[in-house]
Amino acid sequence: MTSFAMIGAGWRADMFIRVAEGLPTLECVGAVVLSPRAFSVPTFSSLADCVQSVNPNFVVTAVPWPVNPGYIQEAVALGLPVLAETPPAPDADRLRSLWANVGQSRLVQVAEQYLLMPSHAARVALVASGVIGTPTQVQVSSTHQYHAVSLIRGLLGVGRGPVKVRAVKLEAPLIDPLNRTGWTDESEPQQATTTIATLDFGDGRSGVYDFTDNQSRNQLRFRRLTVRGSAGELHDDEVVRMVAPRTIVRTPLVRRQTGYDLDLDGFDTHHITFGSEVLYRNPYLGRRWMDDEIAIA
């Protein structure tokens, strides 16, 4: 059994603990919290107390951006491997400082999960198969900052190389009916900022980032993802390509989702296909997890 300690007690920390409860070889043995509270695992006021009491194999940090570097450095100083929730630091300067302090330890991994979500994992497999030729541009309008950049880089296959970024911010009115805590019951539009950026990786490869405040939760905005290739294009869950001279076809990506209508197998993602090809199989069938939980696991 592998054990870990959670640093943090917010909604993301709770998700890590909930996922661990569904994995037979992983156990959360404690959580470091700033103030005493009822929690699903034993709580400690400091990481040192937690380590002394339960001796975890590693720690997971899920805390506000500004304090994440401090907890990461403290864990590394204790010789503990760290899985750090994104982002590990709030800005570029503090990220460089954190790397200077802990980079050589090889004890820190950043928990960026978006490419592991079922739909995105299927898209990555499809693009890698060469169906649309060489990927040249990825357009993301669904999630923010580091998550979107991870999708762009991963689908293009450009790794961690340099990039030239140009960006603008625009404001326009928008109703914001939902946030992290649920329905807001707001009916009047408020000013919302949209950030549009182009990312030039060179060699004909680029990304387009388009994100409006709270777009991840605002259901008045569609989520969009497009991958353009030299021989076709993937848009959300559909591919257009040429299969023979003068023959252009469109093929959907289809998710096998159980548990709705008259399907009595229980609600679960089973697999995702492209024609007769299976692009993705859920490795955690039977746990009834949403996509984010599958990716975290």
Protein backbone atom coordinates (compact mmCIF):
# COMPACT_ATOMS: atom_id res chain seq x y z
CA MET A 1 0.00 0.00 0.00
CA THR A 2 1.36 3.42 -1.01
CA SER A 3 0.44 6.26 1.33
CA PHE A 4 0.33 10.01 0.88
CA ALA A 5 -0.46 13.10 2.92
CA MET A 6 -2.67 15.86 1.57
CA ILE A 7 -1.64 19.50 2.04
CA GLY A 8 -4.83 21.53 1.76
CA ALA A 9 -8.51 21.02 2.49
CA GLY A 10 -10.38 22.65 -0.39
CA TRP A 11 -12.49 21.14 -3.16
CA ARG A 12 -9.48 19.90 -5.12
CA ALA A 13 -7.92 18.29 -2.03
CA ASP A 14 -11.23 16.56 -1.36
CA MET A 15 -11.20 15.19 -4.92
CA PHE A 16 -7.70 13.73 -4.50
CA ILE A 17 -8.79 11.99 -1.30
CA ARG A 18 -12.02 10.71 -2.88
CA VAL A 19 -10.11 9.24 -5.84
CA ALA A 20 -7.60 7.60 -3.49
CA GLU A 21 -10.49 5.91 -1.67
CA GLY A 22 -11.36 4.17 -4.95
CA LEU A 23 -7.84 2.85 -5.57
CA PRO A 24 -6.95 -0.30 -3.59
CA THR A 25 -3.19 0.36 -3.59
CA LEU A 26 -3.32 4.01 -2.49
CA GLU A 27 -4.26 5.55 0.85
CA CYS A 28 -4.43 9.11 2.16
CA VAL A 29 -3.14 8.89 5.74
CA GLY A 30 -3.55 12.52 6.76
CA ALA A 31 -4.05 16.14 5.75
CA VAL A 32 -2.23 19.33 6.69
CA VAL A 33 -4.77 22.11 7.33
CA LEU A 34 -4.40 25.64 8.67
CA SER A 35 -7.26 25.42 11.16
CA PRO A 36 -8.91 22.45 12.91
CA ARG A 37 -11.95 21.07 11.08
CA ALA A 38 -13.88 17.88 10.52
CA PHE A 39 -12.26 15.97 7.68
CA SER A 40 -12.35 12.49 6.20
CA VAL A 41 -8.74 11.75 7.28
CA PRO A 42 -6.65 12.71 10.35
CA THR A 43 -5.57 16.37 10.25
CA PHE A 44 -2.35 18.05 11.33
CA SER A 45 -1.36 21.67 11.81
CA SER A 46 2.06 21.24 10.17
CA LEU A 47 3.76 18.99 7.65
CA ALA A 48 6.44 18.08 10.18
CA ASP A 49 3.80 16.81 12.64
CA CYS A 50 2.09 14.88 9.86
CA VAL A 51 5.31 13.19 8.74
CA GLN A 52 6.27 12.31 12.30
CA SER A 53 2.86 10.80 13.02
CA VAL A 54 1.88 8.94 9.82
CA ASN A 55 5.11 8.84 7.75
CA PRO A 56 3.59 9.13 4.23
CA ASN A 57 5.42 7.92 1.12
CA PHE A 58 4.76 11.23 -0.64
CA VAL A 59 2.68 14.41 -0.34
CA VAL A 60 0.14 16.11 -2.58
CA THR A 61 -0.21 19.89 -2.48
CA ALA A 62 -3.58 21.45 -3.31
CA VAL A 63 -3.32 24.96 -1.88
CA PRO A 64 -3.65 28.55 -3.17
CA TRP A 65 -1.04 29.54 -5.77
CA PRO A 66 0.99 31.97 -3.58
CA VAL A 67 1.68 29.41 -0.81
CA ASN A 68 2.31 26.37 -3.00
CA PRO A 69 6.09 27.00 -3.42
CA GLY A 70 6.63 27.11 0.34
CA TYR A 71 4.94 23.77 0.96
CA ILE A 72 6.77 22.17 -1.97
CA GLN A 73 10.14 23.34 -0.64
CA GLU A 74 9.28 22.17 2.88
CA ALA A 75 8.39 18.69 1.65
CA VAL A 76 11.56 18.43 -0.44
CA ALA A 77 13.63 19.53 2.57
CA LEU A 78 12.12 16.54 4.42
CA GLY A 79 13.10 14.24 1.55
CA LEU A 80 9.51 13.62 0.47
CA PRO A 81 8.38 13.29 -3.16
CA VAL A 82 5.75 15.90 -4.05
CA LEU A 83 2.82 15.81 -6.46
CA ALA A 84 2.04 19.53 -6.82
CA GLU A 85 -1.33 20.77 -8.01
CA THR A 86 -1.06 23.22 -10.90
CA PRO A 87 0.42 25.76 -10.86
CA PRO A 88 3.41 25.06 -8.56
CA ALA A 89 4.03 28.83 -8.30
CA PRO A 90 1.90 31.91 -9.03
CA ASP A 91 4.14 33.63 -11.62
CA ALA A 92 7.24 33.15 -13.75
CA ASP A 93 9.70 34.72 -11.29
CA ARG A 94 8.59 32.52 -8.40
CA LEU A 95 8.50 29.49 -10.68
CA ARG A 96 12.15 30.08 -11.60
CA SER A 97 13.00 30.56 -7.93
CA LEU A 98 11.22 27.32 -7.02
CA TRP A 99 13.07 25.45 -9.76
CA ALA A 100 16.38 26.82 -8.51
CA ASN A 101 15.58 25.53 -5.02
CA VAL A 102 14.10 22.09 -5.77
CA GLY A 103 14.67 21.28 -9.45
CA GLN A 104 17.80 19.23 -8.90
CA SER A 105 16.11 17.12 -6.20
CA ARG A 106 13.98 15.30 -8.82
CA LEU A 107 11.32 14.96 -6.11
CA VAL A 108 8.64 17.25 -7.59
CA GLN A 109 6.04 16.38 -10.22
CA VAL A 110 3.33 18.80 -11.37
CA ALA A 111 -0.17 17.30 -11.50
CA GLU A 112 -1.44 18.46 -14.91
CA GLN A 113 -4.23 16.04 -15.79
CA TYR A 114 -6.05 17.47 -18.82
CA LEU A 115 -4.35 15.31 -21.46
CA LEU A 116 -5.38 12.26 -19.40
CA MET A 117 -9.11 13.03 -19.52
CA PRO A 118 -10.94 10.42 -21.65
CA SER A 119 -11.99 12.75 -24.48
CA HIS A 120 -8.61 14.47 -24.68
CA ALA A 121 -6.71 11.18 -24.40
CA ALA A 122 -8.76 9.87 -27.33
CA ARG A 123 -7.98 13.01 -29.34
CA VAL A 124 -4.26 12.68 -28.59
CA ALA A 125 -4.34 9.06 -29.80
CA LEU A 126 -6.22 10.04 -32.95
CA VAL A 127 -3.82 12.86 -33.85
CA ALA A 128 -0.79 10.65 -33.11
CA SER A 129 -2.17 8.01 -35.51
CA GLY A 130 -1.68 10.41 -38.43
CA VAL A 131 -5.32 10.46 -39.54
CA ILE A 132 -5.22 14.24 -40.08
CA GLY A 133 -1.58 14.28 -41.17
CA THR A 134 0.93 16.45 -39.33
CA PRO A 135 -0.78 18.60 -36.67
CA THR A 136 -0.10 22.28 -37.36
CA GLN A 137 -2.48 24.24 -35.14
CA VAL A 138 -4.52 23.64 -31.98
CA GLN A 139 -7.34 26.01 -31.01
CA VAL A 140 -8.64 25.80 -27.43
CA SER A 141 -11.65 27.65 -26.06
CA SER A 142 -12.71 25.74 -22.96
CA THR A 143 -10.20 25.99 -20.14
CA HIS A 144 -7.70 28.49 -18.83
CA GLN A 145 -3.98 29.22 -18.79
CA TYR A 146 -1.76 26.22 -18.03
CA HIS A 147 -4.48 23.64 -18.77
CA ALA A 148 -5.06 25.09 -22.24
CA VAL A 149 -1.33 25.36 -22.96
CA SER A 150 -0.88 21.73 -21.91
CA LEU A 151 -3.55 20.71 -24.44
CA ILE A 152 -1.99 22.83 -27.18
CA ARG A 153 1.53 21.54 -26.62
CA GLY A 154 0.41 17.94 -26.14
CA LEU A 155 -1.76 17.76 -29.24
CA LEU A 156 0.90 19.47 -31.36
CA GLY A 157 3.64 17.30 -29.89
CA VAL A 158 5.97 20.28 -29.39
CA GLY A 159 7.16 19.38 -25.90
CA ARG A 160 8.62 22.18 -23.76
CA GLY A 161 10.34 24.27 -26.44
CA PRO A 162 10.27 28.08 -26.73
CA VAL A 163 7.17 29.91 -27.91
CA LYS A 164 6.30 33.43 -29.05
CA VAL A 165 3.03 34.68 -27.51
CA ARG A 166 0.84 37.59 -28.60
CA ALA A 167 -2.30 38.33 -26.59
CA VAL A 168 -5.13 40.83 -26.18
CA LYS A 169 -7.83 41.25 -23.54
CA LEU A 170 -11.38 42.33 -24.40
CA GLU A 171 -14.39 43.06 -22.22
CA ALA A 172 -18.06 42.40 -22.96
CA PRO A 173 -21.22 41.79 -20.89
CA LEU A 174 -22.11 38.20 -20.00
CA ILE A 175 -24.51 36.53 -17.55
CA ASP A 176 -22.63 34.28 -15.11
CA PRO A 177 -25.19 31.68 -13.92
CA LEU A 178 -22.80 29.14 -12.36
CA ASN A 179 -19.56 29.16 -10.40
CA ARG A 180 -17.61 26.67 -8.29
CA THR A 181 -20.20 26.74 -5.49
CA GLY A 182 -23.21 26.21 -7.78
CA TRP A 183 -25.99 28.38 -9.24
CA THR A 184 -25.53 32.12 -8.71
CA ASP A 185 -29.13 33.06 -9.65
CA GLU A 186 -27.66 36.08 -11.44
CA SER A 187 -29.79 37.30 -14.34
CA GLU A 188 -28.04 40.55 -15.26
CA PRO A 189 -24.95 40.57 -17.49
CA GLN A 190 -21.69 41.72 -15.92
CA GLN A 191 -18.47 42.72 -17.63
CA ALA A 192 -16.36 39.64 -18.41
CA THR A 193 -12.83 39.57 -19.78
CA THR A 194 -11.92 37.45 -22.79
CA THR A 195 -8.25 36.72 -23.42
CA ILE A 196 -7.27 35.79 -26.97
CA ALA A 197 -3.70 34.71 -27.65
CA THR A 198 -1.67 33.19 -30.45
CA LEU A 199 1.24 30.89 -29.64
CA ASP A 200 3.90 30.50 -32.33
CA PHE A 201 6.14 27.46 -31.80
CA GLY A 202 7.91 27.85 -35.14
CA ASP A 203 8.14 25.36 -38.01
CA GLY A 204 4.52 26.07 -38.97
CA ARG A 205 3.08 25.00 -35.61
CA SER A 206 0.82 27.30 -33.62
CA GLY A 207 -1.89 27.53 -31.00
CA VAL A 208 -4.89 29.78 -30.45
CA TYR A 209 -6.09 30.44 -26.90
CA ASP A 210 -9.57 31.91 -26.36
CA PHE A 211 -10.89 32.08 -22.81
CA THR A 212 -13.59 34.13 -21.09
CA ASP A 213 -13.73 34.58 -17.32
CA ASN A 214 -15.25 31.47 -15.68
CA GLN A 215 -15.82 29.83 -19.09
CA SER A 216 -15.04 26.40 -17.63
CA ARG A 217 -18.24 26.60 -15.56
CA ASN A 218 -20.37 29.05 -17.51
CA GLN A 219 -22.71 26.92 -19.61
CA LEU A 220 -23.67 29.95 -21.72
CA ARG A 221 -20.37 29.43 -23.54
CA PHE A 222 -19.62 26.37 -25.70
CA ARG A 223 -16.38 24.48 -25.18
CA ARG A 224 -14.43 24.18 -28.41
CA LEU A 225 -11.26 22.34 -29.44
CA THR A 226 -9.89 22.16 -32.97
CA VAL A 227 -6.75 20.42 -34.23
CA ARG A 228 -5.76 21.35 -37.77
CA GLY A 229 -3.51 18.98 -39.68
CA SER A 230 -1.88 18.77 -43.08
CA ALA A 231 -4.46 16.19 -44.25
CA GLY A 232 -7.59 17.03 -42.28
CA GLU A 233 -9.03 18.50 -39.12
CA LEU A 234 -10.41 17.37 -35.78
CA HIS A 235 -13.14 19.61 -34.37
CA ASP A 236 -14.45 18.63 -30.94
CA ASP A 237 -15.63 15.05 -31.62
CA GLU A 238 -15.64 14.95 -35.42
CA VAL A 239 -12.91 14.47 -38.03
CA VAL A 240 -12.88 15.59 -41.66
CA ARG A 241 -10.31 13.99 -43.99
CA MET A 242 -9.70 12.71 -47.51
CA VAL A 243 -9.80 8.92 -47.84
CA ALA A 244 -9.51 8.62 -51.64
CA PRO A 245 -9.24 10.93 -54.66
CA ARG A 246 -12.16 13.39 -54.66
CA THR A 247 -13.54 11.70 -51.53
CA ILE A 248 -13.80 13.74 -48.33
CA VAL A 249 -15.49 12.10 -45.36
CA ARG A 250 -16.53 13.11 -41.86
CA THR A 251 -16.25 10.59 -39.01
CA PRO A 252 -17.32 11.13 -35.38
CA LEU A 253 -15.54 10.10 -32.21
CA VAL A 254 -18.15 8.11 -30.25
CA ARG A 255 -18.15 7.60 -26.50
CA ARG A 256 -19.67 4.40 -25.15
CA GLN A 257 -21.45 5.76 -22.07
CA THR A 258 -23.48 3.32 -19.99
CA GLY A 259 -26.22 4.01 -17.47
CA TYR A 260 -28.68 6.24 -19.30
CA ASP A 261 -32.02 5.63 -21.04
CA LEU A 262 -32.68 1.86 -20.69
CA ASP A 263 -29.03 0.92 -20.14
CA LEU A 264 -28.97 -0.68 -16.67
CA ASP A 265 -25.21 -1.28 -16.44
CA GLY A 266 -24.61 1.76 -14.22
CA PHE A 267 -23.36 5.19 -15.25
CA ASP A 268 -19.81 4.86 -16.58
CA THR A 269 -17.54 5.78 -19.47
CA HIS A 270 -16.55 2.55 -21.22
CA HIS A 271 -14.53 3.49 -24.30
CA ILE A 272 -14.21 6.02 -27.14
CA THR A 273 -14.04 4.93 -30.78
CA PHE A 274 -13.20 6.36 -34.20
CA GLY A 275 -15.01 4.14 -36.67
CA SER A 276 -13.98 0.60 -35.70
CA GLU A 277 -10.82 1.76 -33.89
CA VAL A 278 -10.87 2.03 -30.09
CA LEU A 279 -8.94 5.17 -29.15
CA TYR A 280 -9.49 5.02 -25.40
CA ARG A 281 -10.58 2.49 -22.78
CA ASN A 282 -11.50 3.51 -19.24
CA PRO A 283 -8.96 1.84 -16.91
CA TYR A 284 -11.26 2.37 -13.92
CA LEU A 285 -14.52 0.76 -15.04
CA GLY A 286 -17.07 0.27 -12.29
CA ARG A 287 -16.06 3.26 -10.19
CA ARG A 288 -18.58 5.63 -11.83
CA TRP A 289 -16.02 8.45 -11.96
CA MET A 290 -16.36 11.66 -13.93
CA ASP A 291 -13.64 12.51 -16.46
CA ASP A 292 -11.61 14.69 -14.08
CA GLU A 293 -11.49 11.92 -11.47
CA ILE A 294 -10.37 9.38 -14.09
CA ALA A 295 -7.59 11.74 -15.17
CA ILE A 296 -6.43 12.38 -11.60
CA ALA A 297 -6.28 8.65 -10.87
